[in-house]
Amino acid sequence: MSDALPVPDTRVLAVASHVVSGYVGNKIAVFVLQSLGCDVAALNTVQFSNHTGYKQWKGTRVSAQEIMELYEGLKQSYLDDFDMMLSGYIPGAEAVNTVGQIGRELKQKAASTPGKFFWVLDPVMGDNGRLYVSEEVVPAYKKLLHDADLILPNQFEAELLSECKIHDMDSLHKAIQAMHDKYQVPHIVITSVNLEAPDHPPSHLSVVGSSMTSTGQARFFKIVFPSIDCYFSGTGDMFGALMVIRMREAVYNADESLRHTASWLSDDSVSAVELPLARAAEKVLASMHEVLSKTCEGMRGVVDRTLTEMRPQDRANDTKVHLAKSKAAELQLNKRNRRVLNKSAYSLFCFFESICEYPHGILIHIPLPAKSSAVISP
C-alpha cells in the first residue's frame, strides 16, 4: 500500500484548546493533521492540565487580546500563509469575536484567488441540551457563520444556530436549510444525530450533511452507522481535524476547476452522494471507527491499572473512580491507530453497504463490524 500523503502541501491554522495530558482540542487536532502531512500552526485558546470532563484541572484560559497578539506575531514574521483554518473551542464571546476577525482577515487576504483559503468551524457550545459556555457565546458564533466555509455543529448546537428544534427528519431538514438561508454557510455537517426514524435502526447514530446549490438549496446526505456503548473524549476534535484534510483531499480528487471555486462548492449537477463533503465524511468515519474501536477495547485495562495505583480507600471513592474512567476515555493513539490515519478508506472497508434516496436526499449505510463504530460527540 502506498503511504503517499492525500493532499499537496497544506498549511493549517488550528485554533482550539490544549491540554498537557490527553487528546482533546489542539492536542488531537495537531496530531491528526501532522500525521496526514499538514504543516500546522497551533494557536491554543486554553492551557489546561487535562480536559474539564475530569471535573478537576489546573491551568488558564487565553484572553481575546492574547489570541490576537499571537496572530499578529505570526503576521509580522510572514507566517500567516495558511491554506486552511480549523477553529474549535474558544473561551468566551470576546475571544470568539477575535477568532472571527482572524478568519475574516485570512479570507480577505485570499479573496482574489477563489478556493485558496477554506475555514472549517466547529461551533463548540454544548451538547445533550446543555450549554457549557456562557449564553453570550451563542450570538457571537452566529456572526461567525457568515464567513465560515464548513461548520460542524452537533445536534444541540445545530438547534441553537438554526433556532429549529430537531426531533425528526423533517425538522432536521428545516434546520439545515435554515442555516444555509440565515448564514449562507456553504457546507454543513451535523454530528451525533440520534433520531427515531424508519430508516434509522436502533443503536445507530447518523452524520447528516449538506452542500448548498448555487441558489442556496440544501443537498442532503445521511450516513448511518452503529454506535459503541462507550463514552470517549476528544472525538469531536478528531472529527474536525480529519474533515479538514479529507475535504481538501476530496476536492483535489474532483474536477480540477473545483479547487479554484469559492468555498469549494460543487456544480449543481453533482448529486449529494458525489459531493466532496459526503466523500470526506465517509473517510473520516472510517478512520474514527478504527481508533475508537481500539480505544474501547483497552478501556477496562486502563481503569484497572489506574485503580491499582490508588490507595485502597480511594478505590471506593466515586470521585476517584470517575478519574480512572475519564483517563480510560482518552483516545488511544498507539502505533496501529497512527497507521490507520494514513490508510486509504478503501483499505478499511467497502464504503457503502447501500445508497438510496430518502425524502430529504441520499441515505448512505456504512456496515461496520458488530458492536463497534464511531461515536461522534465533542
Protein backbone atom coordinates (compact mmCIF):
# COMPACT_ATOMS: atom_id res chain seq x y z
CA MET A 1 0.00 0.00 0.00
CA SER A 2 1.26 3.48 -0.81
CA ASP A 3 1.99 5.82 2.09
CA ALA A 4 1.67 8.86 -0.16
CA LEU A 5 0.06 11.81 1.58
CA PRO A 6 -3.50 12.53 0.47
CA VAL A 7 -3.09 16.21 -0.47
CA PRO A 8 -0.41 18.63 -1.65
CA ASP A 9 1.44 20.74 0.91
CA THR A 10 -1.18 22.24 3.21
CA ARG A 11 -0.61 24.84 5.91
CA VAL A 12 -3.30 24.93 8.60
CA LEU A 13 -4.03 27.38 11.41
CA ALA A 14 -5.61 25.36 14.23
CA VAL A 15 -7.33 27.43 16.92
CA ALA A 16 -8.54 25.35 19.86
CA SER A 17 -7.90 24.32 23.46
CA HIS A 18 -4.78 22.49 24.61
CA VAL A 19 -4.16 20.01 27.43
CA VAL A 20 -0.91 18.71 28.88
CA SER A 21 -2.26 15.16 29.18
CA GLY A 22 -4.85 13.52 26.98
CA TYR A 23 -6.14 14.06 23.46
CA VAL A 24 -8.71 16.82 23.09
CA GLY A 25 -8.66 20.15 21.26
CA ASN A 26 -5.42 21.01 19.54
CA LYS A 27 -3.66 18.09 21.24
CA ILE A 28 -5.53 15.67 18.95
CA ALA A 29 -6.09 18.06 16.03
CA VAL A 30 -2.39 18.82 15.55
CA PHE A 31 -1.50 15.13 15.83
CA VAL A 32 -4.04 14.13 13.18
CA LEU A 33 -3.17 16.93 10.77
CA GLN A 34 0.57 16.36 11.06
CA SER A 35 0.10 12.60 10.65
CA LEU A 36 -1.55 13.34 7.31
CA GLY A 37 1.22 15.66 6.18
CA CYS A 38 -0.05 19.12 7.08
CA ASP A 39 2.11 21.94 8.38
CA VAL A 40 0.18 23.12 11.44
CA ALA A 41 0.36 26.36 13.40
CA ALA A 42 -1.39 25.74 16.73
CA LEU A 43 -2.97 28.75 18.41
CA ASN A 44 -4.12 27.43 21.78
CA THR A 45 -7.11 29.09 23.46
CA VAL A 46 -6.63 27.42 26.85
CA GLN A 47 -3.74 25.65 28.54
CA PHE A 48 -5.10 23.06 30.97
CA SER A 49 -3.52 20.11 32.74
CA ASN A 50 -6.33 17.86 31.45
CA HIS A 51 -9.80 18.30 29.95
CA THR A 52 -12.67 19.50 32.11
CA GLY A 53 -14.55 16.20 31.96
CA TYR A 54 -12.32 15.03 34.80
CA LYS A 55 -14.14 17.65 36.92
CA GLN A 56 -10.81 18.89 38.24
CA TRP A 57 -7.98 20.59 36.38
CA LYS A 58 -5.37 23.33 36.58
CA GLY A 59 -4.47 25.94 34.03
CA THR A 60 -5.52 29.16 32.36
CA ARG A 61 -7.69 30.49 29.55
CA VAL A 62 -6.15 32.70 26.89
CA SER A 63 -7.71 36.15 26.59
CA ALA A 64 -9.01 37.65 23.36
CA GLN A 65 -6.14 40.16 23.45
CA GLU A 66 -3.56 37.37 23.78
CA ILE A 67 -5.13 35.43 20.89
CA MET A 68 -4.83 38.48 18.65
CA GLU A 69 -1.28 39.19 19.83
CA LEU A 70 -0.22 35.66 18.91
CA TYR A 71 -1.78 36.02 15.47
CA GLU A 72 -0.15 39.44 14.98
CA GLY A 73 3.16 37.79 15.85
CA LEU A 74 2.64 35.31 13.02
CA LYS A 75 1.76 38.10 10.60
CA GLN A 76 4.79 40.24 11.35
CA SER A 77 7.10 37.33 10.50
CA TYR A 78 5.20 36.33 7.33
CA LEU A 79 3.90 33.16 8.99
CA ASP A 80 0.24 33.74 8.10
CA ASP A 81 0.32 31.97 4.72
CA PHE A 82 -2.44 29.49 5.58
CA ASP A 83 -4.41 27.32 3.17
CA MET A 84 -6.99 26.26 5.76
CA MET A 85 -8.17 27.18 9.24
CA LEU A 86 -9.76 24.93 11.85
CA SER A 87 -11.38 26.63 14.84
CA GLY A 88 -12.66 24.69 17.85
CA TYR A 89 -13.22 25.59 21.50
CA ILE A 90 -12.93 29.32 22.18
CA PRO A 91 -13.41 30.64 25.76
CA GLY A 92 -15.92 33.49 25.77
CA ALA A 93 -17.74 35.77 23.37
CA GLU A 94 -14.92 38.31 23.08
CA ALA A 95 -12.47 35.58 22.12
CA VAL A 96 -14.98 34.16 19.61
CA ASN A 97 -15.21 37.60 18.00
CA THR A 98 -11.42 37.81 17.85
CA VAL A 99 -11.10 34.43 16.15
CA GLY A 100 -13.77 35.60 13.72
CA GLN A 101 -11.69 38.66 12.95
CA ILE A 102 -8.70 36.42 12.21
CA GLY A 103 -10.77 34.15 9.97
CA ARG A 104 -12.22 37.07 8.04
CA GLU A 105 -8.79 38.62 7.57
CA LEU A 106 -7.39 35.39 6.16
CA LYS A 107 -10.37 35.04 3.81
CA GLN A 108 -10.00 38.62 2.63
CA LYS A 109 -6.30 38.07 2.02
CA ALA A 110 -7.16 35.20 -0.35
CA ALA A 111 -10.23 36.87 -1.90
CA SER A 112 -8.56 37.42 -5.28
CA THR A 113 -7.91 33.67 -5.62
CA PRO A 114 -11.15 31.70 -5.12
CA GLY A 115 -10.65 28.40 -3.34
CA LYS A 116 -7.25 29.36 -1.94
CA PHE A 117 -8.41 29.52 1.70
CA PHE A 118 -11.02 27.35 3.45
CA TRP A 119 -12.31 27.77 7.02
CA VAL A 120 -13.70 24.80 8.98
CA LEU A 121 -15.55 25.99 12.08
CA ASP A 122 -16.66 23.76 14.95
CA PRO A 123 -19.06 25.95 17.00
CA VAL A 124 -18.32 24.39 20.38
CA MET A 125 -21.12 25.50 22.70
CA GLY A 126 -22.72 22.46 24.34
CA ASP A 127 -24.31 19.06 23.93
CA ASN A 128 -27.26 16.97 25.09
CA GLY A 129 -29.44 20.03 25.67
CA ARG A 130 -26.92 21.86 27.87
CA LEU A 131 -24.65 24.84 27.21
CA TYR A 132 -21.12 24.61 28.55
CA VAL A 133 -20.23 28.14 27.50
CA SER A 134 -21.78 31.45 28.55
CA GLU A 135 -25.02 32.46 26.81
CA GLU A 136 -23.41 35.41 25.02
CA VAL A 137 -21.21 32.99 23.07
CA VAL A 138 -24.22 31.83 21.02
CA PRO A 139 -24.88 35.16 19.21
CA ALA A 140 -21.12 35.62 18.80
CA TYR A 141 -20.92 32.32 16.91
CA LYS A 142 -23.91 33.26 14.78
CA LYS A 143 -21.93 36.24 13.50
CA LEU A 144 -19.03 33.99 12.52
CA LEU A 145 -21.07 31.59 10.40
CA HIS A 146 -21.40 34.06 7.53
CA ASP A 147 -17.65 33.77 6.91
CA ALA A 148 -17.05 30.06 7.52
CA ASP A 149 -16.95 27.58 4.63
CA LEU A 150 -17.85 24.44 6.59
CA ILE A 151 -19.45 24.20 10.02
CA LEU A 152 -19.56 21.10 12.24
CA PRO A 153 -22.26 21.54 14.91
CA ASN A 154 -23.65 18.65 16.90
CA GLN A 155 -27.42 18.24 17.08
CA PHE A 156 -27.84 20.59 20.06
CA GLU A 157 -25.60 23.26 18.53
CA ALA A 158 -27.48 22.99 15.24
CA GLU A 159 -30.70 23.72 17.13
CA LEU A 160 -29.14 26.81 18.72
CA LEU A 161 -27.82 28.15 15.42
CA SER A 162 -30.87 27.36 13.28
CA GLU A 163 -33.43 28.16 16.00
CA CYS A 164 -35.22 24.97 14.96
CA LYS A 165 -35.90 22.16 17.42
CA ILE A 166 -34.75 18.87 15.86
CA HIS A 167 -36.93 15.87 16.67
CA ASP A 168 -37.33 14.04 13.35
CA MET A 169 -36.03 14.10 9.79
CA ASP A 170 -38.43 16.85 8.72
CA SER A 171 -37.21 19.19 11.46
CA LEU A 172 -33.59 18.25 10.75
CA HIS A 173 -34.16 19.13 7.09
CA LYS A 174 -35.58 22.50 8.15
CA ALA A 175 -32.67 23.20 10.50
CA ILE A 176 -30.04 22.60 7.82
CA GLN A 177 -31.91 24.66 5.24
CA ALA A 178 -32.36 27.42 7.82
CA MET A 179 -28.60 27.60 8.39
CA HIS A 180 -27.97 27.78 4.64
CA ASP A 181 -30.58 30.56 4.44
CA LYS A 182 -29.65 32.56 7.56
CA TYR A 183 -25.87 32.45 7.25
CA GLN A 184 -25.21 31.45 3.63
CA VAL A 185 -22.79 28.85 5.02
CA PRO A 186 -21.84 26.63 2.04
CA HIS A 187 -21.20 23.30 3.80
CA ILE A 188 -22.76 21.81 6.93
CA VAL A 189 -22.16 18.52 8.74
CA ILE A 190 -24.23 17.75 11.83
CA THR A 191 -22.64 15.16 14.08
CA SER A 192 -24.23 12.87 16.67
CA VAL A 193 -27.71 12.86 15.17
CA ASN A 194 -29.86 10.46 17.17
CA LEU A 195 -33.46 10.33 15.96
CA GLU A 196 -36.30 7.87 15.91
CA ALA A 197 -36.96 7.33 12.22
CA PRO A 198 -37.89 4.38 9.97
CA ASP A 199 -34.50 4.48 8.23
CA HIS A 200 -32.59 4.88 11.49
CA PRO A 201 -32.03 1.46 13.13
CA PRO A 202 -31.74 1.14 16.92
CA SER A 203 -28.30 1.64 18.49
CA HIS A 204 -27.14 3.64 15.48
CA LEU A 205 -26.05 7.24 15.02
CA SER A 206 -26.07 9.44 11.95
CA VAL A 207 -23.92 12.13 10.45
CA VAL A 208 -26.05 14.40 8.26
CA GLY A 209 -24.53 16.86 5.83
CA SER A 210 -25.29 19.24 3.00
CA SER A 211 -23.50 21.36 0.43
CA MET A 212 -25.80 24.04 -0.90
CA THR A 213 -26.51 24.68 -4.57
CA SER A 214 -25.90 27.97 -6.37
CA THR A 215 -29.41 29.02 -5.34
CA GLY A 216 -28.86 28.14 -1.68
CA GLN A 217 -30.80 24.88 -1.66
CA ALA A 218 -29.51 22.07 0.52
CA ARG A 219 -28.18 18.83 -0.95
CA PHE A 220 -28.66 16.32 1.85
CA PHE A 221 -26.88 13.09 2.64
CA LYS A 222 -27.10 10.98 5.77
CA ILE A 223 -24.53 8.41 6.89
CA VAL A 224 -25.87 5.82 9.34
CA PHE A 225 -23.52 3.71 11.43
CA PRO A 226 -23.67 1.51 14.56
CA SER A 227 -22.63 3.13 17.83
CA ILE A 228 -20.26 1.92 20.51
CA ASP A 229 -21.65 1.71 24.03
CA CYS A 230 -18.74 3.72 25.43
CA TYR A 231 -18.01 7.35 26.24
CA PHE A 232 -15.00 8.94 24.53
CA SER A 233 -13.40 12.35 24.93
CA GLY A 234 -11.91 14.30 22.04
CA THR A 235 -13.94 12.69 19.26
CA GLY A 236 -15.38 15.98 18.03
CA ASP A 237 -11.91 17.47 17.79
CA MET A 238 -10.63 14.44 15.92
CA PHE A 239 -13.62 14.58 13.57
CA GLY A 240 -12.92 18.24 12.78
CA ALA A 241 -9.23 17.68 12.07
CA LEU A 242 -9.94 14.72 9.81
CA MET A 243 -12.61 16.72 7.96
CA VAL A 244 -10.05 19.43 7.19
CA ILE A 245 -7.71 17.09 5.38
CA ARG A 246 -10.31 14.74 3.88
CA MET A 247 -12.34 17.65 2.48
CA ARG A 248 -9.24 19.06 0.79
CA GLU A 249 -8.39 15.58 -0.50
CA ALA A 250 -11.89 15.09 -1.92
CA VAL A 251 -11.75 18.46 -3.66
CA TYR A 252 -8.37 17.65 -5.21
CA ASN A 253 -9.74 14.31 -6.39
CA ALA A 254 -12.66 16.05 -8.11
CA ASP A 255 -12.61 18.13 -11.28
CA GLU A 256 -9.63 20.49 -11.17
CA SER A 257 -11.85 23.54 -11.52
CA LEU A 258 -13.40 22.87 -8.10
CA ARG A 259 -10.22 23.74 -6.21
CA HIS A 260 -10.38 27.19 -7.84
CA THR A 261 -14.05 27.71 -6.92
CA ALA A 262 -15.11 29.84 -3.96
CA SER A 263 -15.79 27.70 -0.87
CA TRP A 264 -15.25 24.58 -3.00
CA LEU A 265 -18.94 24.47 -3.92
CA SER A 266 -19.67 21.78 -6.48
CA ASP A 267 -21.73 22.42 -9.60
CA ASP A 268 -25.47 21.98 -9.16
CA SER A 269 -25.34 18.87 -11.33
CA VAL A 270 -23.30 16.98 -8.69
CA SER A 271 -25.53 14.64 -6.69
CA ALA A 272 -25.45 14.52 -2.91
CA VAL A 273 -23.60 11.21 -2.76
CA GLU A 274 -20.88 12.52 -5.11
CA LEU A 275 -20.29 15.68 -3.12
CA PRO A 276 -16.73 16.06 -1.81
CA LEU A 277 -18.31 16.69 1.59
CA ALA A 278 -20.01 13.27 1.56
CA ARG A 279 -16.85 11.53 0.39
CA ALA A 280 -14.84 13.28 3.09
CA ALA A 281 -17.30 12.42 5.86
CA GLU A 282 -17.28 8.77 4.84
CA LYS A 283 -13.47 8.58 5.05
CA VAL A 284 -13.47 10.38 8.39
CA LEU A 285 -15.87 7.84 9.87
CA ALA A 286 -13.71 5.02 8.53
CA SER A 287 -10.65 6.25 10.41
CA MET A 288 -12.57 7.07 13.56
CA HIS A 289 -14.14 3.62 13.62
CA GLU A 290 -10.71 2.04 13.89
CA VAL A 291 -9.38 4.41 16.56
CA LEU A 292 -12.49 4.27 18.74
CA SER A 293 -12.81 0.51 18.49
CA LYS A 294 -9.27 0.07 19.79
CA THR A 295 -9.83 2.69 22.48
CA CYS A 296 -12.94 0.87 23.67
CA GLU A 297 -11.13 -2.46 23.76
CA GLY A 298 -8.44 -1.01 26.03
CA MET A 299 -10.69 0.88 28.44
CA ARG A 300 -11.06 -1.83 31.07
CA GLY A 301 -7.31 -2.28 31.27
CA VAL A 302 -6.71 1.46 31.77
CA VAL A 303 -9.30 1.61 34.56
CA ASP A 304 -7.86 -1.45 36.30
CA ARG A 305 -4.28 -0.16 36.13
CA THR A 306 -5.29 3.26 37.44
CA LEU A 307 -7.27 1.80 40.34
CA THR A 308 -4.36 -0.48 41.23
CA GLU A 309 -2.14 2.59 41.62
CA MET A 310 -4.58 4.17 44.10
CA ARG A 311 -4.67 3.67 47.83
CA PRO A 312 -7.22 1.01 48.87
CA GLN A 313 -9.54 3.58 50.47
CA ASP A 314 -9.59 5.64 47.25
CA ARG A 315 -10.86 2.75 45.14
CA ALA A 316 -14.26 3.01 46.83
CA ASN A 317 -14.42 6.78 46.30
CA ASP A 318 -16.77 7.74 43.43
CA THR A 319 -14.71 10.81 42.58
CA LYS A 320 -11.52 8.79 42.30
CA VAL A 321 -13.23 6.11 40.21
CA HIS A 322 -14.53 8.86 37.90
CA LEU A 323 -10.94 10.00 37.35
CA ALA A 324 -9.94 6.47 36.34
CA LYS A 325 -12.85 6.23 33.90
CA SER A 326 -12.04 9.66 32.43
CA LYS A 327 -8.48 8.55 31.83
CA ALA A 328 -9.74 5.41 30.08
CA ALA A 329 -11.98 7.52 27.81
CA GLU A 330 -8.98 9.32 26.31
CA LEU A 331 -8.32 8.35 22.69
CA GLN A 332 -5.73 5.60 22.38
CA LEU A 333 -3.21 6.73 19.76
CA ASN A 334 -1.00 3.68 19.62
CA LYS A 335 1.19 2.73 16.68
CA ARG A 336 -1.60 0.83 14.90
CA ASN A 337 -4.04 3.72 15.20
CA ARG A 338 -1.46 6.15 13.85
CA ARG A 339 -1.10 3.95 10.77
CA VAL A 340 -4.88 3.94 10.33
CA LEU A 341 -4.92 7.69 9.75
CA ASN A 342 -2.74 7.27 6.67
CA LYS A 343 -4.72 4.41 5.16
CA SER A 344 -6.95 4.95 2.18
CA ALA A 345 -10.55 4.45 3.20
CA TYR A 346 -10.99 1.55 0.78
CA SER A 347 -8.46 -0.41 2.83
CA LEU A 348 -10.67 -0.16 5.91
CA PHE A 349 -13.93 -1.41 4.48
CA CYS A 350 -16.14 -1.06 1.45
CA PHE A 351 -17.60 2.43 1.80
CA PHE A 352 -21.30 1.94 1.23
CA GLU A 353 -23.43 -1.08 2.03
CA SER A 354 -26.38 0.68 0.45
CA ILE A 355 -27.18 4.00 -1.13
CA CYS A 356 -30.78 5.02 -1.60
CA GLU A 357 -33.00 8.03 -1.96
CA TYR A 358 -34.93 9.14 1.09
CA PRO A 359 -37.33 12.09 1.38
CA HIS A 360 -34.54 14.56 2.18
CA GLY A 361 -31.69 13.38 -0.02
CA ILE A 362 -29.29 10.44 -0.04
CA LEU A 363 -29.01 7.78 2.65
CA ILE A 364 -25.65 6.01 2.99
CA HIS A 365 -25.31 2.99 5.26
CA ILE A 366 -21.82 2.04 6.39
CA PRO A 367 -21.56 -1.59 7.56
CA LEU A 368 -19.17 -1.54 10.50
CA PRO A 369 -18.40 -4.72 12.43
CA ALA A 370 -20.86 -5.68 15.15
CA LYS A 371 -20.53 -3.81 18.43
CA SER A 372 -18.11 -1.27 17.04
CA SER A 373 -18.28 2.03 15.26
CA ALA A 374 -17.53 5.68 15.61
CA VAL A 375 -19.46 7.68 18.17
CA ILE A 376 -19.11 11.32 17.17
CA SER A 377 -19.55 13.73 20.07
CA PRO A 378 -17.35 16.62 21.14
